[in-house]
Each structure stands twice: as C-alpha cells, then as structure tokens.
C-alpha cells in the first residue's frame, strides 16, 4: 500500500510540476509576444518626430472615470473614431493618426478603452463603454462620424451605432469578436486568469483576460439589438485569423439586417487587418 501511495504522490507531483512549468512558459511567452502593446511617452515622441504630425492628447470624463485619447490637430467636417481591441491602446492606430490621405478627409480620434493604458483601470460593460465614448464624441459637435472597431472593440463600435444613430454615420467592423457562441478559448486561457499567474503578468494582459471571460455574456446582451443599426456597415474578416473564430464576419452579416452593408472576407489575411490591409481599409474609409 505504501508503494502505491508513493507512486500516486509522485505522479501527482509530476503532474503539478508539468502544469507549473507550462504556466511559467505561458507567462514568458505572453510577456514576450505582447511587448508591442506598450509604448512610452518617449517612444511616442520619437515616433512622431520621425513621422509627423504628432497628435494632441487629453482626457474626457464619464461617470467619474477618465478616458485618455489622442486627436489629430487638423480641422475637418468629418471625424474618424478608432476603437482598439484587447489588449490594446490608442497607439495601435498611431500610423492612422499621421496618415496624410486620411487627414485630408478626417479629423482622427483614438481612445484608450477602460482598463487599458492611461484610461481608468476599471473594466466596464460594452454598454458603459459605448456611453463613455458617446460622452467623448460629444466634444466634437456637428461632425459626421465614422467609427472603426477592431476585435473586441467592434462590439463597442456597433453599440455606439445601435444607441446613437444620430451620431454614427458609417461603421467599420474589423476582425470582429461579436458572436457570443463563437467566443474562442485556448488551453492557457483559464491558467492565465488565475491569481498566481496574474501576479506575474502585465496589467494590460490581466485586463484582457478578465474581459475575455465576461465577453460572451456581454455579447449575448447585444443579440436583440443588431437590427437597430441603420448606417452603412463594412465588415472585414480574415480567413487565417487564429485569434477569433473566422465565422464572426458571417455572423455579423446575418444579424445586421436593417442597414446597407458590405461583408469582405479576406482568405489570406489574419487578425491584424488594420496593419496587414491598411491599404484596403484606407480605400474603404475614403470612398464617398
């Protein structure tokens, strides 16, 4: 009996050791591959010194929470509002904010969502994020607003169009994580959301993980409201997207029923379409 007990104990210890090592590898891997989700003030200055013009920065406030945003300094009658995914920050669109062709057509604003970068670090619902961004966009009265949302930001962009149709005139949903039954999880999703692992991870990774486990329920709350969208919608979905289920684009095409829409499936592209297909996105934004 003692030998059986020792065998079981040793097997259990081995299993825990493997899990521990796998967790450590996950931590190191995530920290390494997600380094691009940070950008210091010095790096921002260096980037725009080399590639001007540099945007202005400021804060808006919603429900006693701060929203940090970047805005181009030009004046136009159209406004392009850019919403990032998870994790992310305004600087995920840094090369849109200085794009000369876009700046000829739009004043451009990109914000940090709640929980990320310089905005308030508390995560809130999709509904609350849309309300917060509505408050921000009211700083720009009389603008014709085009909203771009990518990945987890797509649902927030859509919520803006649902609830504030008088404001949103055009909608681009890029690599959209919007179908509640298609929320994608990996073997490391739950371990990364555990207290022990979270201790070693950057805050933006923890915020993204926390958001992921609330996302399915949040998206389910939107299902009854897709018919509220009436402005023109463009949906972009990459066929080699390993971050989200590639059926998300078709899902949106099926549930947005009361708006003129264009669903573009890009079989050879992945999740990061704002980088991979900036040429196409610019053409779509600049098309009358």
Protein backbone atom coordinates (compact mmCIF):
# COMPACT_ATOMS: atom_id res chain seq x y z
CA UNK A 1 0.00 0.00 0.00
CA UNK A 2 2.83 2.37 0.86
CA UNK A 3 4.41 1.86 -2.56
CA UNK A 4 1.08 2.57 -4.27
CA UNK A 5 0.70 5.75 -2.18
CA UNK A 6 4.21 6.87 -3.11
CA UNK A 7 3.52 6.14 -6.78
CA UNK A 8 0.32 8.21 -6.71
CA UNK A 9 2.03 11.04 -4.83
CA UNK A 10 4.98 11.09 -7.23
CA UNK A 11 2.63 11.03 -10.22
CA UNK A 12 0.64 13.94 -8.76
CA UNK A 13 3.82 15.90 -8.05
CA UNK A 14 4.98 15.28 -11.59
CA UNK A 15 1.65 16.47 -12.97
CA UNK A 16 1.76 19.64 -10.84
CA UNK A 17 5.36 20.23 -11.92
CA UNK A 18 4.41 19.97 -15.58
CA UNK A 19 1.48 22.35 -15.02
CA UNK A 20 3.75 24.77 -13.17
CA UNK A 21 6.36 24.71 -15.94
CA UNK A 22 3.67 25.12 -18.59
CA UNK A 23 2.29 28.09 -16.70
CA UNK A 24 5.72 29.70 -16.44
CA UNK A 25 6.28 29.14 -20.17
CA UNK A 26 2.89 30.73 -20.84
CA UNK A 27 3.87 33.75 -18.75
CA UNK A 28 7.19 34.17 -20.53
CA UNK A 29 5.65 33.61 -23.93
CA UNK A 30 2.83 36.07 -23.36
CA UNK A 31 5.13 38.74 -21.96
CA UNK A 32 7.45 38.33 -24.91
CA UNK A 33 4.87 38.34 -27.71
CA UNK A 34 2.81 41.14 -26.15
CA UNK A 35 5.63 43.65 -25.72
CA UNK A 36 4.23 45.56 -28.69
CA UNK A 37 1.21 46.54 -26.59
CA UNK A 38 3.22 49.11 -24.64
CA UNK A 39 4.53 52.46 -25.78
CA UNK A 40 6.16 55.03 -23.53
CA UNK A 41 5.82 58.81 -23.87
CA UNK A 42 9.42 58.93 -25.10
CA UNK A 43 8.67 56.32 -27.76
CA UNK A 44 5.59 58.28 -28.83
CA UNK A 45 7.70 61.45 -29.18
CA UNK A 46 10.36 59.60 -31.14
CA UNK A 47 7.80 58.03 -33.47
CA UNK A 48 6.10 61.30 -34.34
CA UNK A 49 9.37 63.22 -34.57
CA UNK A 50 10.32 60.83 -37.34
CA UNK A 51 6.82 60.60 -38.80
CA UNK A 52 4.85 63.78 -38.07
CA UNK A 53 2.35 65.20 -37.39
CA UNK A 54 2.05 64.33 -33.72
CA UNK A 55 -1.50 64.30 -32.31
CA UNK A 56 -2.65 66.14 -29.23
CA UNK A 57 -3.63 64.21 -26.09
CA UNK A 58 -6.26 64.74 -23.45
CA UNK A 59 -8.79 63.27 -21.07
CA UNK A 60 -12.56 63.10 -21.13
CA UNK A 61 -14.63 62.03 -18.14
CA UNK A 62 -17.57 59.68 -17.83
CA UNK A 63 -19.15 58.66 -14.53
CA UNK A 64 -16.07 59.88 -12.60
CA UNK A 65 -13.80 57.73 -14.78
CA UNK A 66 -11.11 59.15 -17.06
CA UNK A 67 -10.82 58.36 -20.78
CA UNK A 68 -7.47 59.10 -22.39
CA UNK A 69 -7.45 59.92 -26.09
CA UNK A 70 -5.29 61.14 -28.95
CA UNK A 71 -6.64 63.55 -31.57
CA UNK A 72 -5.21 64.92 -34.78
CA UNK A 73 -4.76 68.68 -34.78
CA UNK A 74 -6.42 69.37 -38.14
CA UNK A 75 -9.95 70.68 -38.65
CA UNK A 76 -12.34 68.79 -40.91
CA UNK A 77 -16.10 68.29 -41.09
CA UNK A 78 -15.72 64.52 -40.84
CA UNK A 79 -14.41 62.63 -37.79
CA UNK A 80 -12.84 59.17 -37.73
CA UNK A 81 -13.10 57.48 -34.32
CA UNK A 82 -10.90 54.41 -33.76
CA UNK A 83 -11.57 51.76 -31.08
CA UNK A 84 -8.92 49.17 -30.20
CA UNK A 85 -9.24 45.53 -29.13
CA UNK A 86 -8.00 43.59 -26.10
CA UNK A 87 -5.29 44.19 -25.12
CA UNK A 88 -4.62 47.46 -26.87
CA UNK A 89 -4.35 51.24 -26.67
CA UNK A 90 -4.76 54.30 -28.85
CA UNK A 91 -1.27 53.81 -30.29
CA UNK A 92 -2.42 50.68 -32.08
CA UNK A 93 -3.65 53.26 -34.60
CA UNK A 94 -0.61 55.53 -34.44
CA UNK A 95 0.04 55.22 -38.18
CA UNK A 96 -3.55 56.20 -38.93
CA UNK A 97 -3.31 59.38 -36.87
CA UNK A 98 -0.48 60.71 -39.06
CA UNK A 99 -1.66 59.37 -42.42
CA UNK A 100 -1.70 62.27 -44.88
CA UNK A 101 -4.54 60.94 -47.04
CA UNK A 102 -6.80 60.23 -44.07
CA UNK A 103 -6.00 63.63 -42.56
CA UNK A 104 -7.15 65.35 -45.74
CA UNK A 105 -10.60 63.85 -45.17
CA UNK A 106 -10.94 63.37 -41.40
CA UNK A 107 -10.13 64.70 -38.00
CA UNK A 108 -8.99 61.50 -36.28
CA UNK A 109 -9.53 60.45 -32.66
CA UNK A 110 -8.31 57.24 -30.99
CA UNK A 111 -9.00 56.46 -27.32
CA UNK A 112 -7.79 54.04 -24.66
CA UNK A 113 -10.66 51.83 -23.60
CA UNK A 114 -11.39 51.46 -19.88
CA UNK A 115 -8.87 49.09 -18.31
CA UNK A 116 -6.06 49.92 -20.72
CA UNK A 117 -3.07 52.27 -20.89
CA UNK A 118 -3.94 55.72 -19.45
CA UNK A 119 -7.71 55.40 -19.14
CA UNK A 120 -9.33 54.40 -15.85
CA UNK A 121 -8.20 50.86 -15.00
CA UNK A 122 -11.67 49.58 -14.12
CA UNK A 123 -13.31 47.38 -16.75
CA UNK A 124 -16.93 48.16 -17.53
CA UNK A 125 -19.60 46.67 -19.77
CA UNK A 126 -19.91 47.15 -23.52
CA UNK A 127 -22.94 49.33 -22.81
CA UNK A 128 -20.97 51.56 -20.40
CA UNK A 129 -18.02 51.80 -22.80
CA UNK A 130 -20.35 52.96 -25.57
CA UNK A 131 -21.88 55.56 -23.25
CA UNK A 132 -18.41 56.76 -22.28
CA UNK A 133 -17.33 57.12 -25.91
CA UNK A 134 -20.57 58.95 -26.70
CA UNK A 135 -19.60 61.43 -24.00
CA UNK A 136 -16.18 61.81 -25.60
CA UNK A 137 -17.59 62.25 -29.10
CA UNK A 138 -19.94 64.99 -27.92
CA UNK A 139 -16.78 67.11 -27.67
CA UNK A 140 -16.96 67.23 -31.49
CA UNK A 141 -20.42 68.60 -32.35
CA UNK A 142 -21.53 68.90 -35.98
CA UNK A 143 -19.08 66.26 -37.17
CA UNK A 144 -20.05 63.43 -39.48
CA UNK A 145 -18.67 60.46 -37.52
CA UNK A 146 -17.25 57.22 -38.92
CA UNK A 147 -16.50 54.62 -36.23
CA UNK A 148 -13.95 51.83 -36.64
CA UNK A 149 -13.83 48.99 -34.13
CA UNK A 150 -11.47 46.07 -34.32
CA UNK A 151 -11.59 42.74 -32.47
CA UNK A 152 -13.15 43.33 -29.01
CA UNK A 153 -13.63 46.96 -29.96
CA UNK A 154 -16.01 46.02 -32.79
CA UNK A 155 -18.89 45.27 -30.42
CA UNK A 156 -18.43 48.66 -28.74
CA UNK A 157 -18.40 50.39 -32.12
CA UNK A 158 -21.60 48.54 -33.02
CA UNK A 159 -23.20 49.52 -29.71
CA UNK A 160 -22.50 53.18 -30.49
CA UNK A 161 -24.32 52.78 -33.82
CA UNK A 162 -27.21 50.97 -32.12
CA UNK A 163 -27.76 53.54 -29.40
CA UNK A 164 -26.70 56.80 -31.07
CA UNK A 165 -27.79 56.57 -34.72
CA UNK A 166 -27.91 60.35 -35.00
CA UNK A 167 -24.15 60.45 -34.37
CA UNK A 168 -22.69 57.44 -36.20
CA UNK A 169 -22.90 57.79 -39.98
CA UNK A 170 -20.68 54.87 -41.02
CA UNK A 171 -19.34 51.77 -39.29
CA UNK A 172 -16.31 49.55 -39.99
CA UNK A 173 -16.10 46.31 -38.00
CA UNK A 174 -12.67 44.76 -38.45
CA UNK A 175 -11.75 41.23 -37.25
CA UNK A 176 -14.92 41.46 -35.12
CA UNK A 177 -15.27 39.38 -31.96
CA UNK A 178 -19.05 39.73 -31.81
CA UNK A 179 -20.70 36.29 -31.85
CA UNK A 180 -21.38 35.08 -28.29
CA UNK A 181 -21.43 31.40 -29.20
CA UNK A 182 -18.13 31.67 -31.08
CA UNK A 183 -16.01 33.10 -28.26
CA UNK A 184 -12.66 31.35 -28.59
CA UNK A 185 -10.63 29.92 -25.71
CA UNK A 186 -7.21 28.26 -25.63
CA UNK A 187 -5.64 25.77 -23.25
CA UNK A 188 -3.87 28.61 -21.42
CA UNK A 189 -6.93 30.91 -21.14
CA UNK A 190 -8.00 29.73 -17.68
CA UNK A 191 -4.49 29.38 -16.18
CA UNK A 192 -3.63 32.91 -17.31
CA UNK A 193 -6.73 34.17 -15.47
CA UNK A 194 -5.65 32.54 -12.18
CA UNK A 195 -4.37 34.67 -9.29
CA UNK A 196 -0.93 33.06 -9.20
CA UNK A 197 -0.31 33.59 -12.91
CA UNK A 198 -1.84 37.08 -12.95
CA UNK A 199 0.71 38.21 -10.37
CA UNK A 200 3.49 37.84 -12.96
CA UNK A 201 1.68 39.32 -15.96
CA UNK A 202 1.42 42.95 -17.09
CA UNK A 203 -1.82 44.70 -16.13
CA UNK A 204 -2.98 45.01 -19.75
CA UNK A 205 -2.76 41.22 -20.17
CA UNK A 206 -4.79 40.70 -16.99
CA UNK A 207 -7.41 43.23 -18.15
CA UNK A 208 -7.70 41.42 -21.49
CA UNK A 209 -8.07 38.07 -19.75
CA UNK A 210 -10.73 39.38 -17.38
CA UNK A 211 -12.57 40.97 -20.28
CA UNK A 212 -12.46 37.72 -22.24
CA UNK A 213 -14.26 35.75 -19.53
CA UNK A 214 -17.03 38.37 -19.36
CA UNK A 215 -17.29 38.84 -23.10
CA UNK A 216 -19.65 36.02 -24.02
CA UNK A 217 -22.37 37.24 -21.67
CA UNK A 218 -21.81 40.83 -22.80
CA UNK A 219 -22.23 39.83 -26.44
CA UNK A 220 -25.38 37.85 -25.66
CA UNK A 221 -26.91 41.09 -24.37
CA UNK A 222 -26.43 42.65 -27.81
CA UNK A 223 -28.16 39.93 -29.81
CA UNK A 224 -31.59 41.57 -29.74
CA UNK A 225 -30.24 44.95 -30.87
CA UNK A 226 -28.39 44.33 -34.14
CA UNK A 227 -31.46 45.40 -36.11
CA UNK A 228 -31.09 48.89 -34.57
CA UNK A 229 -28.11 49.60 -36.82
CA UNK A 230 -29.18 51.59 -39.88
CA UNK A 231 -25.99 53.33 -41.04
CA UNK A 232 -23.77 51.79 -43.76
CA UNK A 233 -21.64 48.95 -42.35
CA UNK A 234 -18.48 47.31 -43.67
CA UNK A 235 -17.34 44.01 -42.14
CA UNK A 236 -13.79 42.74 -42.67
CA UNK A 237 -12.86 39.17 -41.72
CA UNK A 238 -9.55 37.40 -42.27
CA UNK A 239 -9.65 33.75 -43.25
CA UNK A 240 -6.43 32.95 -41.33
CA UNK A 241 -7.48 34.68 -38.12
CA UNK A 242 -6.35 32.46 -35.24
CA UNK A 243 -7.37 34.93 -32.52
CA UNK A 244 -11.11 34.84 -33.14
CA UNK A 245 -13.38 32.32 -34.84
CA UNK A 246 -13.42 33.16 -38.54
CA UNK A 247 -17.21 32.71 -38.64
CA UNK A 248 -17.64 36.02 -36.78
CA UNK A 249 -17.79 38.01 -40.01
CA UNK A 250 -20.56 35.84 -41.43
CA UNK A 251 -22.40 36.09 -38.10
CA UNK A 252 -22.48 39.88 -38.35
CA UNK A 253 -23.53 39.68 -41.98
CA UNK A 254 -26.53 37.60 -40.88
CA UNK A 255 -27.66 39.65 -37.86
CA UNK A 256 -27.26 43.16 -39.29
CA UNK A 257 -30.49 43.17 -41.28
CA UNK A 258 -31.66 46.80 -41.43
CA UNK A 259 -28.52 48.52 -42.73
CA UNK A 260 -26.73 48.71 -46.07
CA UNK A 261 -23.69 46.51 -45.62
CA UNK A 262 -20.65 45.02 -47.28
CA UNK A 263 -19.05 41.83 -46.00
CA UNK A 264 -15.46 41.38 -47.18
CA UNK A 265 -13.80 38.02 -46.50
CA UNK A 266 -10.02 38.04 -46.89
CA UNK A 267 -8.93 34.37 -47.08
CA UNK A 268 -5.18 35.01 -46.92
CA UNK A 269 -5.18 37.50 -44.03
CA UNK A 270 -5.09 37.06 -40.26
CA UNK A 271 -6.39 39.02 -37.28
CA UNK A 272 -4.30 42.19 -37.53
CA UNK A 273 -6.07 43.58 -40.55
CA UNK A 274 -5.51 47.23 -39.60
CA UNK A 275 -1.81 46.56 -40.20
CA UNK A 276 -2.00 43.85 -42.87
CA UNK A 277 -4.62 45.58 -45.03
CA UNK A 278 -4.29 49.25 -44.21
CA UNK A 279 -4.40 49.94 -47.96
CA UNK A 280 -7.85 48.40 -48.27
CA UNK A 281 -9.14 50.00 -45.06
CA UNK A 282 -8.00 53.44 -46.25
CA UNK A 283 -9.74 52.94 -49.58
CA UNK A 284 -12.95 51.96 -47.79
CA UNK A 285 -12.75 54.93 -45.44
CA UNK A 286 -12.07 57.42 -48.21
CA UNK A 287 -14.74 56.08 -50.56
CA UNK A 288 -17.68 58.55 -50.75
